[in-house]
PDB file of N, CA and C in Angstrom:
ATOM      1  N   MET A   1     -38.110-165.235-103.492  1.00  0.00           N
ATOM      2  CA  MET A   1     -37.080-165.588-102.659  1.00  0.00           C
ATOM      3  C   MET A   1     -36.649-164.433-101.873  1.00  0.00           C
ATOM      4  N   LYS A   2     -36.546-164.725-100.480  1.00  0.00           N
ATOM      5  CA  LYS A   2     -35.909-163.470 -99.702  1.00  0.00           C
ATOM      6  C   LYS A   2     -34.823-163.250 -99.872  1.00  0.00           C
ATOM      7  N   HIS A   3     -34.783-161.864 -99.603  1.00  0.00           N
ATOM      8  CA  HIS A   3     -33.365-161.046-100.027  1.00  0.00           C
ATOM      9  C   HIS A   3     -32.350-161.534 -99.070  1.00  0.00           C
ATOM     10  N   TRP A   4     -31.134-161.765 -99.309  1.00  0.00           N
ATOM     11  CA  TRP A   4     -30.059-162.373 -98.223  1.00  0.00           C
ATOM     12  C   TRP A   4     -30.058-161.403 -96.809  1.00  0.00           C
ATOM     13  N   ARG A   5     -30.421-160.109 -96.898  1.00  0.00           N
ATOM     14  CA  ARG A   5     -30.301-159.132 -95.671  1.00  0.00           C
ATOM     15  C   ARG A   5     -31.615-159.661 -94.973  1.00  0.00           C
ATOM     16  N   GLU A   6     -32.497-160.109 -95.517  1.00  0.00           N
ATOM     17  CA  GLU A   6     -33.869-160.617 -94.730  1.00  0.00           C
ATOM     18  C   GLU A   6     -33.425-161.945 -93.863  1.00  0.00           C
ATOM     19  N   LEU A   7     -32.881-162.658 -94.667  1.00  0.00           N
ATOM     20  CA  LEU A   7     -32.431-163.806 -94.184  1.00  0.00           C
ATOM     21  C   LEU A   7     -31.330-163.958 -92.964  1.00  0.00           C
ATOM     22  N   ARG A   8     -30.430-162.967 -93.162  1.00  0.00           N
ATOM     23  CA  ARG A   8     -29.669-162.663 -92.258  1.00  0.00           C
ATOM     24  C   ARG A   8     -30.109-162.063 -91.054  1.00  0.00           C
ATOM     25  N   ALA A   9     -31.064-161.231 -91.035  1.00  0.00           N
ATOM     26  CA  ALA A   9     -31.755-160.534 -89.935  1.00  0.00           C
ATOM     27  C   ALA A   9     -32.436-161.446 -89.181  1.00  0.00           C
ATOM     28  N   GLU A  10     -33.103-162.616 -89.908  1.00  0.00           N
ATOM     29  CA  GLU A  10     -34.041-163.604 -89.137  1.00  0.00           C
ATOM     30  C   GLU A  10     -32.877-164.327 -88.562  1.00  0.00           C
ATOM     31  N   TRP A  11     -31.822-164.975 -89.180  1.00  0.00           N
ATOM     32  CA  TRP A  11     -30.844-165.682 -88.573  1.00  0.00           C
ATOM     33  C   TRP A  11     -30.247-165.033 -87.198  1.00  0.00           C
ATOM     34  N   ASP A  12     -29.910-163.946 -87.260  1.00  0.00           N
ATOM     35  CA  ASP A  12     -29.706-163.062 -86.274  1.00  0.00           C
ATOM     36  C   ASP A  12     -30.420-163.247 -84.931  1.00  0.00           C
ATOM     37  N   ASP A  13     -31.884-162.803 -85.419  1.00  0.00           N
ATOM     38  CA  ASP A  13     -33.064-162.897 -84.634  1.00  0.00           C
ATOM     39  C   ASP A  13     -33.088-164.186 -83.639  1.00  0.00           C
ATOM     40  N   TYR A  14     -32.760-165.090 -84.584  1.00  0.00           N
ATOM     41  CA  TYR A  14     -32.653-166.594 -83.937  1.00  0.00           C
ATOM     42  C   TYR A  14     -31.469-166.813 -82.856  1.00  0.00           C
ATOM     43  N   ALA A  15     -30.587-166.358 -83.532  1.00  0.00           N
ATOM     44  CA  ALA A  15     -29.381-166.456 -82.771  1.00  0.00           C
ATOM     45  C   ALA A  15     -29.278-165.775 -81.186  1.00  0.00           C
ATOM     46  N   ILE A  16     -30.155-164.597 -81.494  1.00  0.00           N
ATOM     47  CA  ILE A  16     -30.258-164.084 -80.150  1.00  0.00           C
ATOM     48  C   ILE A  16     -31.191-164.379 -79.171  1.00  0.00           C
ATOM     49  N   LYS A  17     -32.414-165.161 -79.875  1.00  0.00           N
ATOM     50  CA  LYS A  17     -33.236-165.679 -78.964  1.00  0.00           C
ATOM     51  C   LYS A  17     -32.510-166.738 -78.371  1.00  0.00           C
ATOM     52  N   GLN A  18     -31.907-167.683 -79.266  1.00  0.00           N
ATOM     53  CA  GLN A  18     -31.221-169.132 -78.610  1.00  0.00           C
ATOM     54  C   GLN A  18     -30.224-168.745 -77.514  1.00  0.00           C
ATOM     55  N   THR A  19     -29.282-167.583 -77.303  1.00  0.00           N
ATOM     56  CA  THR A  19     -28.525-167.020 -76.692  1.00  0.00           C
ATOM     57  C   THR A  19     -29.302-166.671 -75.280  1.00  0.00           C
ATOM     58  N   LEU A  20     -30.335-166.038 -75.449  1.00  0.00           N
ATOM     59  CA  LEU A  20     -31.283-165.775 -74.386  1.00  0.00           C
ATOM     60  C   LEU A  20     -31.775-166.956 -73.604  1.00  0.00           C
ATOM     61  N   VAL A  21     -32.394-167.816 -74.278  1.00  0.00           N
ATOM     62  CA  VAL A  21     -32.739-168.961 -73.606  1.00  0.00           C
ATOM     63  C   VAL A  21     -31.731-169.667 -72.830  1.00  0.00           C
ATOM     64  N   ARG A  22     -30.657-170.154 -73.530  1.00  0.00           N
ATOM     65  CA  ARG A  22     -29.157-170.408 -72.897  1.00  0.00           C
ATOM     66  C   ARG A  22     -28.922-169.876 -71.743  1.00  0.00           C
ATOM     67  N   LYS A  23     -29.059-168.341 -71.712  1.00  0.00           N
ATOM     68  CA  LYS A  23     -28.430-167.893 -70.534  1.00  0.00           C
ATOM     69  C   LYS A  23     -29.623-167.932 -69.164  1.00  0.00           C
ATOM     70  N   GLY A  24     -31.078-168.017 -69.928  1.00  0.00           N
ATOM     71  CA  GLY A  24     -32.070-168.095 -68.736  1.00  0.00           C
ATOM     72  C   GLY A  24     -31.687-169.545 -67.880  1.00  0.00           C
ATOM     73  N   ARG A  25     -31.458-170.559 -68.751  1.00  0.00           N
ATOM     74  CA  ARG A  25     -31.118-171.807 -68.212  1.00  0.00           C
ATOM     75  C   ARG A  25     -29.962-171.976 -67.333  1.00  0.00           C
ATOM     76  N   GLU A  26     -28.773-171.205 -67.653  1.00  0.00           N
ATOM     77  CA  GLU A  26     -27.855-171.319 -66.795  1.00  0.00           C
ATOM     78  C   GLU A  26     -27.988-170.573 -65.646  1.00  0.00           C
ATOM     79  N   GLU A  27     -28.725-169.201 -65.542  1.00  0.00           N
ATOM     80  CA  GLU A  27     -29.003-168.694 -64.457  1.00  0.00           C
ATOM     81  C   GLU A  27     -29.915-169.334 -63.696  1.00  0.00           C
ATOM     82  N   GLY A  28     -30.721-170.211 -64.135  1.00  0.00           N
ATOM     83  CA  GLY A  28     -31.732-170.960 -63.192  1.00  0.00           C
ATOM     84  C   GLY A  28     -30.793-171.949 -62.700  1.00  0.00           C
ATOM     85  N   ARG A  29     -30.036-172.853 -63.404  1.00  0.00           N
ATOM     86  CA  ARG A  29     -29.171-173.912 -62.826  1.00  0.00           C
ATOM     87  C   ARG A  29     -28.311-173.271 -61.658  1.00  0.00           C
ATOM     88  N   GLU A  30     -27.757-172.120 -61.820  1.00  0.00           N
ATOM     89  CA  GLU A  30     -26.968-171.322 -60.640  1.00  0.00           C
ATOM     90  C   GLU A  30     -27.889-171.218 -59.383  1.00  0.00           C
ATOM     91  N   GLU A  31     -29.398-170.803 -59.701  1.00  0.00           N
ATOM     92  CA  GLU A  31     -29.937-170.428 -58.619  1.00  0.00           C
ATOM     93  C   GLU A  31     -30.402-171.391 -57.677  1.00  0.00           C
ATOM     94  N   GLU A  32     -30.561-172.577 -58.763  1.00  0.00           N
ATOM     95  CA  GLU A  32     -30.818-174.219 -57.845  1.00  0.00           C
ATOM     96  C   GLU A  32     -29.512-174.529 -57.095  1.00  0.00           C
ATOM     97  N   ARG A  33     -28.271-174.252 -57.821  1.00  0.00           N
ATOM     98  CA  ARG A  33     -27.060-174.614 -57.079  1.00  0.00           C
ATOM     99  C   ARG A  33     -26.811-173.770 -55.725  1.00  0.00           C
ATOM    100  N   GLU A  34     -27.260-172.638 -55.883  1.00  0.00           N
ATOM    101  CA  GLU A  34     -27.286-171.836 -54.647  1.00  0.00           C
ATOM    102  C   GLU A  34     -28.082-172.160 -53.628  1.00  0.00           C
ATOM    103  N   LYS A  35     -29.277-172.481 -53.821  1.00  0.00           N
ATOM    104  CA  LYS A  35     -30.130-173.146 -52.795  1.00  0.00           C
ATOM    105  C   LYS A  35     -29.817-174.127 -52.213  1.00  0.00           C
ATOM    106  N   ARG A  36     -29.308-175.211 -53.147  1.00  0.00           N
ATOM    107  CA  ARG A  36     -28.851-176.529 -52.726  1.00  0.00           C
ATOM    108  C   ARG A  36     -27.768-176.101 -51.605  1.00  0.00           C
ATOM    109  N   ASN A  37     -26.884-175.411 -52.133  1.00  0.00           N
ATOM    110  CA  ASN A  37     -25.620-175.200 -51.232  1.00  0.00           C
ATOM    111  C   ASN A  37     -25.960-174.475 -49.808  1.00  0.00           C
ATOM    112  N   ARG A  38     -26.967-173.556 -49.920  1.00  0.00           N
ATOM    113  CA  ARG A  38     -27.432-173.050 -48.692  1.00  0.00           C
ATOM    114  C   ARG A  38     -28.176-173.987 -47.801  1.00  0.00           C
ATOM    115  N   GLU A  39     -28.577-174.869 -48.427  1.00  0.00           N
ATOM    116  CA  GLU A  39     -29.277-176.018 -47.834  1.00  0.00           C
ATOM    117  C   GLU A  39     -28.241-176.927 -46.961  1.00  0.00           C
ATOM    118  N   PHE A  40     -27.214-177.409 -47.787  1.00  0.00           N
ATOM    119  CA  PHE A  40     -26.223-178.236 -47.287  1.00  0.00           C
ATOM    120  C   PHE A  40     -25.613-177.401 -45.791  1.00  0.00           C
ATOM    121  N   VAL A  41     -25.394-176.230 -46.202  1.00  0.00           N
ATOM    122  CA  VAL A  41     -24.688-175.359 -45.184  1.00  0.00           C
ATOM    123  C   VAL A  41     -25.516-175.134 -43.810  1.00  0.00           C
ATOM    124  N   LYS A  42     -26.826-174.879 -44.038  1.00  0.00           N
ATOM    125  CA  LYS A  42     -27.873-174.887 -43.291  1.00  0.00           C
ATOM    126  C   LYS A  42     -27.782-176.218 -42.358  1.00  0.00           C
ATOM    127  N   ASN A  43     -28.004-177.487 -42.924  1.00  0.00           N
ATOM    128  CA  ASN A  43     -27.977-178.528 -42.280  1.00  0.00           C
ATOM    129  C   ASN A  43     -26.744-178.915 -41.497  1.00  0.00           C
ATOM    130  N   PHE A  44     -25.723-178.597 -42.105  1.00  0.00           N
ATOM    131  CA  PHE A  44     -24.184-178.896 -41.404  1.00  0.00           C
ATOM    132  C   PHE A  44     -24.262-177.635 -39.923  1.00  0.00           C
ATOM    133  N   LEU A  45     -24.571-176.649 -40.319  1.00  0.00           N
ATOM    134  CA  LEU A  45     -24.575-175.637 -38.875  1.00  0.00           C
ATOM    135  C   LEU A  45     -25.564-176.253 -37.977  1.00  0.00           C
ATOM    136  N   SER A  46     -26.735-176.747 -38.595  1.00  0.00           N
ATOM    137  CA  SER A  46     -27.820-177.184 -37.332  1.00  0.00           C
ATOM    138  C   SER A  46     -27.140-178.128 -36.402  1.00  0.00           C
ATOM    139  N   THR A  47     -26.201-179.271 -36.973  1.00  0.00           N
ATOM    140  CA  THR A  47     -25.733-179.964 -36.239  1.00  0.00           C
ATOM    141  C   THR A  47     -25.209-179.612 -35.026  1.00  0.00           C
ATOM    142  N   GLY A  48     -24.138-178.717 -35.382  1.00  0.00           N
ATOM    143  CA  GLY A  48     -23.355-177.852 -34.329  1.00  0.00           C
ATOM    144  C   GLY A  48     -22.191-178.855 -34.162  1.00  0.00           C
ATOM    145  N   ARG A  49     -21.790-179.860 -35.138  1.00  0.00           N
ATOM    146  CA  ARG A  49     -20.676-180.719 -34.865  1.00  0.00           C
ATOM    147  C   ARG A  49     -19.461-180.328 -35.810  1.00  0.00           C
ATOM    148  N   PHE A  50     -19.868-179.262 -36.547  1.00  0.00           N
ATOM    149  CA  PHE A  50     -18.647-178.930 -37.744  1.00  0.00           C
ATOM    150  C   PHE A  50     -18.333-177.425 -37.553  1.00  0.00           C
ATOM    151  N   THR A  51     -17.072-177.355 -37.690  1.00  0.00           N
ATOM    152  CA  THR A  51     -16.460-176.021 -37.926  1.00  0.00           C
ATOM    153  C   THR A  51     -16.819-175.435 -39.049  1.00  0.00           C
ATOM    154  N   ILE A  52     -16.620-174.024 -39.219  1.00  0.00           N
ATOM    155  CA  ILE A  52     -16.678-173.314 -40.636  1.00  0.00           C
ATOM    156  C   ILE A  52     -15.871-173.978 -41.611  1.00  0.00           C
ATOM    157  N   SER A  53     -14.528-174.015 -41.328  1.00  0.00           N
ATOM    158  CA  SER A  53     -13.796-174.487 -42.146  1.00  0.00           C
ATOM    159  C   SER A  53     -14.124-176.262 -42.921  1.00  0.00           C
ATOM    160  N   GLU A  54     -14.618-176.741 -41.684  1.00  0.00           N
ATOM    161  CA  GLU A  54     -15.160-178.258 -42.081  1.00  0.00           C
ATOM    162  C   GLU A  54     -16.037-178.193 -43.057  1.00  0.00           C
ATOM    163  N   ILE A  55     -17.056-177.402 -42.883  1.00  0.00           N
ATOM    164  CA  ILE A  55     -18.626-177.325 -43.636  1.00  0.00           C
ATOM    165  C   ILE A  55     -17.899-176.567 -45.075  1.00  0.00           C
ATOM    166  N   ALA A  56     -17.100-175.977 -45.302  1.00  0.00           N
ATOM    167  CA  ALA A  56     -16.561-175.099 -46.307  1.00  0.00           C
ATOM    168  C   ALA A  56     -15.687-176.403 -46.939  1.00  0.00           C
ATOM    169  N   ALA A  57     -14.929-177.141 -46.532  1.00  0.00           N
ATOM    170  CA  ALA A  57     -14.224-178.248 -47.030  1.00  0.00           C
ATOM    171  C   ALA A  57     -15.144-179.528 -47.588  1.00  0.00           C
ATOM    172  N   TYR A  58     -16.349-179.862 -46.884  1.00  0.00           N
ATOM    173  CA  TYR A  58     -17.103-180.760 -47.317  1.00  0.00           C
ATOM    174  C   TYR A  58     -18.115-180.327 -48.349  1.00  0.00           C
ATOM    175  N   THR A  59     -18.474-179.015 -48.402  1.00  0.00           N
ATOM    176  CA  THR A  59     -19.428-178.429 -49.424  1.00  0.00           C
ATOM    177  C   THR A  59     -18.805-177.958 -50.676  1.00  0.00           C
ATOM    178  N   GLY A  60     -17.506-177.472 -50.469  1.00  0.00           N
ATOM    179  CA  GLY A  60     -16.767-176.922 -51.827  1.00  0.00           C
ATOM    180  C   GLY A  60     -17.059-175.373 -52.000  1.00  0.00           C
ATOM    181  N   ILE A  61     -17.587-174.737 -50.558  1.00  0.00           N
ATOM    182  CA  ILE A  61     -17.993-173.331 -50.436  1.00  0.00           C
ATOM    183  C   ILE A  61     -17.050-172.740 -49.903  1.00  0.00           C
ATOM    184  N   SER A  62     -16.641-171.712 -50.124  1.00  0.00           N
ATOM    185  CA  SER A  62     -15.692-170.887 -49.338  1.00  0.00           C
ATOM    186  C   SER A  62     -16.173-170.302 -48.052  1.00  0.00           C
ATOM    187  N   GLU A  63     -14.994-170.301 -47.179  1.00  0.00           N
ATOM    188  CA  GLU A  63     -15.598-170.065 -45.629  1.00  0.00           C
ATOM    189  C   GLU A  63     -16.119-168.727 -45.547  1.00  0.00           C
ATOM    190  N   ALA A  64     -15.937-167.775 -46.342  1.00  0.00           N
ATOM    191  CA  ALA A  64     -16.308-166.551 -46.372  1.00  0.00           C
ATOM    192  C   ALA A  64     -18.076-166.661 -46.588  1.00  0.00           C
ATOM    193  N   HIS A  65     -18.411-167.512 -47.734  1.00  0.00           N
ATOM    194  CA  HIS A  65     -19.733-167.881 -48.142  1.00  0.00           C
ATOM    195  C   HIS A  65     -20.464-168.281 -46.747  1.00  0.00           C
ATOM    196  N   VAL A  66     -19.936-169.469 -46.112  1.00  0.00           N
ATOM    197  CA  VAL A  66     -20.483-170.375 -44.991  1.00  0.00           C
ATOM    198  C   VAL A  66     -20.927-169.432 -44.043  1.00  0.00           C
ATOM    199  N   LEU A  67     -20.005-168.469 -43.811  1.00  0.00           N
ATOM    200  CA  LEU A  67     -20.258-167.312 -42.756  1.00  0.00           C
ATOM    201  C   LEU A  67     -21.080-166.373 -43.286  1.00  0.00           C
ATOM    202  N   LYS A  68     -21.330-165.992 -44.337  1.00  0.00           N
ATOM    203  CA  LYS A  68     -22.388-165.212 -44.751  1.00  0.00           C
ATOM    204  C   LYS A  68     -23.950-165.913 -44.486  1.00  0.00           C
ATOM    205  N   ILE A  69     -23.858-167.317 -45.152  1.00  0.00           N
ATOM    206  CA  ILE A  69     -25.002-167.946 -44.990  1.00  0.00           C
ATOM    207  C   ILE A  69     -25.347-167.922 -43.372  1.00  0.00           C
ATOM    208  N   LYS A  70     -24.433-168.394 -42.656  1.00  0.00           N
ATOM    209  CA  LYS A  70     -25.094-168.487 -41.168  1.00  0.00           C
ATOM    210  C   LYS A  70     -25.243-167.240 -40.727  1.00  0.00           C
ATOM    211  N   LYS A  71     -24.574-165.924 -41.041  1.00  0.00           N
ATOM    212  CA  LYS A  71     -25.145-164.849 -40.438  1.00  0.00           C
ATOM    213  C   LYS A  71     -26.495-164.415 -40.936  1.00  0.00           C
ATOM    214  N   GLU A  72     -26.752-164.894 -42.147  1.00  0.00           N
ATOM    215  CA  GLU A  72     -28.213-164.732 -42.576  1.00  0.00           C
ATOM    216  C   GLU A  72     -29.293-165.609 -42.082  1.00  0.00           C
ATOM    217  N   LEU A  73     -28.822-166.791 -41.345  1.00  0.00           N
ATOM    218  CA  LEU A  73     -29.479-167.640 -40.578  1.00  0.00           C
ATOM    219  C   LEU A  73     -30.001-167.158 -39.375  1.00  0.00           C
ATOM    220  N   LYS A  74     -29.210-166.234 -38.937  1.00  0.00           N
ATOM    221  CA  LYS A  74     -29.285-165.716 -37.359  1.00  0.00           C
ATOM    222  C   LYS A  74     -30.459-164.688 -37.490  1.00  0.00           C
ATOM    223  N   LYS A  75     -30.698-163.884 -38.451  1.00  0.00           N
ATOM    224  CA  LYS A  75     -31.676-162.877 -38.695  1.00  0.00           C
ATOM    225  C   LYS A  75     -33.075-163.347 -38.435  1.00  0.00           C
TER     226      LYS A  75
END
């Protein structure tokens, strides 16, 4: 039978691995959300019919972030 310290070390290792997996998934979701938001803003800007504040309101993204994306698209 394993000593309780060995078991505890295994449990700790397992918990660390699970935390890393969860964080990786969260980061991946955030990256996908950012890509999707960027695409929404790009599409709104391409029409030329919406103001920055309208785009921000429709997408739920801050005006500053919309302006940042607009500036990046001009490069």
